Each structure stands twice: as structure tokens, then as C-alpha cells.
């Protein structure tokens, strides 16, 4: 079953027009980022209250890692929003399929690697990640996908379960 088609309206686009949430696929990262952050802060507080500062350094490092994880997730979300609202339409060709490890679940995500139109083989590719194998069915190798680009950030509908069309 392929992703549903979504006709792209002209910019500026409103997020209310999307039939799915733009944060699709980021929920696990947000949950575990906040979970580890809260756990680290709680354990740092308990260690400080008891006067045992030895494990606090390790806990602070885990807290910093959780903060970095949260920041990168929120950056991805803000880039998606900006690209959807103000982005220009770009075309890309599917180069290959792959799998990617996901820390917060027991299986791996499915990936699609894209080469932007007009870019050579040496140009960095754009990778789309989705939880289900449907992304491979929607975007077979050699297919052309339509996405949005805003200030170097790319957003393709397949990452949230949609297939953009003009």
C-alpha cells in the first residue's frame, strides 16, 4: 500500500493543510530524550542531596547527551516546518534503499537515499527515514520524488507518510 498523494499548495503553506502530523517519526526520540533528561536530573538531585558527588559527573554527561538528542530532534522539527511553509519545490531521484538502527525500538527503520536533481554523484545525498517498509514501495529505486527545500534543509513527504505531488 503506497502513501497517499498530497498536492502541494503554493507557498506560504499552512501546517493545518497537512493530513498527518509533521512530527511523525520523531515521537520516540522526543520521549526517550525527555525520559533520560528527567532521570538524570532526578539522580543528580538525589546525589547532591546525599552529598555523593562521584556518580554526578557521569549523570551530567548522560544529561548532556539527552539534551543534545532533544535539541537535534527539535531542530529537525523546526527545519521540517520551515521547509513546508516557505520551501521551494525540488526534485530528487531515489538512488538506493537501506536500513537504519533506531535506539528506541526493537527493529530498524527503512531509509531511502536521494540524489537531488542537477547534482552529481559526489554531491551529498539526502536520506529519508520511515518506520515502515511502505516507503520502499512508494519510492522504488529510480523513481522521482518531489520535496521542499528551505535554507539548506530538505523535507520530503515520505518521511511522514505522504507522497507530495505538484
Protein backbone atom coordinates (compact mmCIF):
# COMPACT_ATOMS: atom_id res chain seq x y z
CA UNK A 1 0.00 0.00 0.00
CA UNK A 2 1.57 3.27 -1.12
CA UNK A 3 1.46 6.57 0.73
CA UNK A 4 -1.45 8.87 -0.12
CA UNK A 5 -0.81 11.68 -2.60
CA UNK A 6 -0.76 15.22 -1.25
CA UNK A 7 -0.93 18.11 -3.73
CA UNK A 8 1.44 20.87 -2.66
CA UNK A 9 -0.24 24.28 -2.40
CA UNK A 10 1.70 27.43 -3.27
CA UNK A 11 3.95 28.98 -0.61
CA UNK A 12 3.35 30.12 2.07
CA UNK A 13 1.75 26.85 3.10
CA UNK A 14 -0.13 26.31 6.33
CA UNK A 15 0.57 23.28 8.51
CA UNK A 16 -3.18 22.84 9.07
CA UNK A 17 -3.43 21.62 5.47
CA UNK A 18 -1.35 18.51 6.21
CA UNK A 19 -3.47 15.38 6.78
CA UNK A 20 -0.78 13.93 9.12
CA UNK A 21 1.39 15.45 11.84
CA UNK A 22 4.67 16.98 10.68
CA UNK A 23 6.33 15.48 13.76
CA UNK A 24 5.59 11.92 12.60
CA UNK A 25 8.60 9.70 13.23
CA UNK A 26 10.09 11.91 15.95
CA UNK A 27 7.97 10.74 18.88
CA UNK A 28 10.33 8.02 20.10
CA UNK A 29 13.32 10.36 20.10
CA UNK A 30 11.38 13.02 21.99
CA UNK A 31 10.05 10.55 24.56
CA UNK A 32 13.41 8.98 25.34
CA UNK A 33 15.21 12.33 25.27
CA UNK A 34 12.86 13.74 27.91
CA UNK A 35 12.88 10.45 29.83
CA UNK A 36 16.69 10.40 30.11
CA UNK A 37 16.82 14.11 30.86
CA UNK A 38 14.29 13.79 33.71
CA UNK A 39 16.01 10.68 35.06
CA UNK A 40 19.42 12.34 35.01
CA UNK A 41 18.13 15.46 36.75
CA UNK A 42 16.41 13.36 39.40
CA UNK A 43 19.53 11.27 40.07
CA UNK A 44 21.76 14.37 40.13
CA UNK A 45 19.41 15.91 42.70
CA UNK A 46 19.45 12.77 44.86
CA UNK A 47 23.26 12.53 44.63
CA UNK A 48 23.68 16.18 45.60
CA UNK A 49 21.21 15.85 48.48
CA UNK A 50 23.11 12.85 49.86
CA UNK A 51 26.47 14.52 49.33
CA UNK A 52 27.76 11.80 46.98
CA UNK A 53 29.27 13.64 44.05
CA UNK A 54 31.12 10.72 42.43
CA UNK A 55 28.42 9.50 40.04
CA UNK A 56 27.25 13.05 39.34
CA UNK A 57 29.82 13.60 36.59
CA UNK A 58 28.60 10.53 34.72
CA UNK A 59 24.99 11.57 35.20
CA UNK A 60 25.73 15.05 33.90
CA UNK A 61 27.32 13.53 30.80
CA UNK A 62 24.19 11.45 30.20
CA UNK A 63 22.10 14.57 30.76
CA UNK A 64 24.16 16.47 28.20
CA UNK A 65 23.73 13.62 25.73
CA UNK A 66 19.96 13.66 26.30
CA UNK A 67 19.95 17.44 25.81
CA UNK A 68 21.84 17.10 22.55
CA UNK A 69 19.37 14.42 21.43
CA UNK A 70 16.41 16.67 22.24
CA UNK A 71 17.99 19.66 20.52
CA UNK A 72 18.65 17.72 17.32
CA UNK A 73 15.07 16.39 17.33
CA UNK A 74 13.59 19.86 17.80
CA UNK A 75 15.94 21.20 15.10
CA UNK A 76 14.65 18.54 12.70
CA UNK A 77 11.08 19.50 13.51
CA UNK A 78 11.70 23.23 13.00
CA UNK A 79 13.50 22.54 9.70
CA UNK A 80 10.55 20.46 8.51
CA UNK A 81 8.13 23.25 9.42
CA UNK A 82 10.21 25.96 7.74
CA UNK A 83 10.69 23.89 4.60
CA UNK A 84 6.97 23.12 4.38
CA UNK A 85 5.87 26.71 4.95
CA UNK A 86 8.38 28.58 2.80
CA UNK A 87 10.33 25.97 0.85
CA UNK A 88 10.76 25.77 -2.88
CA UNK A 89 9.94 22.59 -4.76
CA UNK A 90 12.90 20.31 -5.53
CA UNK A 91 13.08 17.02 -7.38
CA UNK A 92 15.22 14.06 -6.45
CA UNK A 93 15.89 10.57 -7.76
CA UNK A 94 15.88 7.52 -5.49
CA UNK A 95 19.40 6.08 -5.57
CA UNK A 96 19.14 3.19 -3.10
CA UNK A 97 17.26 1.69 -0.17
CA UNK A 98 18.71 0.84 3.22
CA UNK A 99 18.06 0.20 6.90
CA UNK A 100 19.00 2.33 9.88
CA UNK A 101 19.36 1.40 13.55
CA UNK A 102 16.87 3.00 15.90
CA UNK A 103 17.81 3.10 19.57
CA UNK A 104 14.29 3.37 20.99
CA UNK A 105 12.67 0.39 19.28
CA UNK A 106 13.44 -3.25 18.63
CA UNK A 107 13.50 -3.03 14.83
CA UNK A 108 15.32 -0.87 12.32
CA UNK A 109 13.92 1.98 10.25
CA UNK A 110 13.72 1.90 6.48
CA UNK A 111 15.67 4.50 4.52
CA UNK A 112 15.59 5.91 1.02
CA UNK A 113 18.68 7.73 -0.27
CA UNK A 114 18.02 10.51 -2.78
CA UNK A 115 20.19 12.41 -5.26
CA UNK A 116 18.90 15.91 -5.90
CA UNK A 117 18.15 16.88 -9.48
CA UNK A 118 21.12 18.60 -11.10
CA UNK A 119 23.62 17.25 -8.56
CA UNK A 120 26.46 14.91 -9.45
CA UNK A 121 27.47 11.66 -7.81
CA UNK A 122 29.90 13.42 -5.45
CA UNK A 123 27.26 15.78 -4.02
CA UNK A 124 25.92 14.79 -0.59
CA UNK A 125 22.74 12.77 -0.79
CA UNK A 126 19.53 13.31 1.18
CA UNK A 127 18.30 10.38 3.29
CA UNK A 128 14.64 9.90 4.20
CA UNK A 129 13.82 7.68 7.19
CA UNK A 130 10.48 5.98 7.84
CA UNK A 131 9.35 3.27 10.26
CA UNK A 132 7.58 1.06 7.71
CA UNK A 133 8.55 -0.79 4.55
CA UNK A 134 5.86 1.18 2.71
CA UNK A 135 8.46 3.84 1.96
CA UNK A 136 10.27 1.34 -0.30
CA UNK A 137 7.03 0.60 -2.14
CA UNK A 138 6.21 4.29 -2.56
CA UNK A 139 9.73 5.24 -3.63
CA UNK A 140 11.34 2.43 -5.68
CA UNK A 141 14.92 2.83 -6.87
CA UNK A 142 14.99 5.14 -9.89
CA UNK A 143 11.73 6.92 -9.03
CA UNK A 144 11.47 10.70 -8.89
CA UNK A 145 10.26 12.30 -5.66
CA UNK A 146 9.16 15.86 -5.01
CA UNK A 147 10.27 17.62 -1.85
CA UNK A 148 10.77 21.05 -0.38
CA UNK A 149 13.99 22.93 0.36
CA UNK A 150 14.44 25.97 2.60
CA UNK A 151 17.86 27.35 3.60
CA UNK A 152 19.62 24.03 3.02
CA UNK A 153 17.04 21.93 4.89
CA UNK A 154 15.08 19.36 2.89
CA UNK A 155 11.66 17.91 3.64
CA UNK A 156 10.16 15.06 1.64
CA UNK A 157 6.62 13.90 2.38
CA UNK A 158 7.68 10.26 2.52
CA UNK A 159 9.31 10.89 5.91
CA UNK A 160 5.83 11.48 7.39
CA UNK A 161 3.86 9.04 5.22
CA UNK A 162 2.76 11.30 2.34
CA UNK A 163 3.70 11.49 -1.32
CA UNK A 164 4.00 15.12 -2.48
CA UNK A 165 2.86 16.00 -5.98
CA UNK A 166 2.57 19.28 -7.84
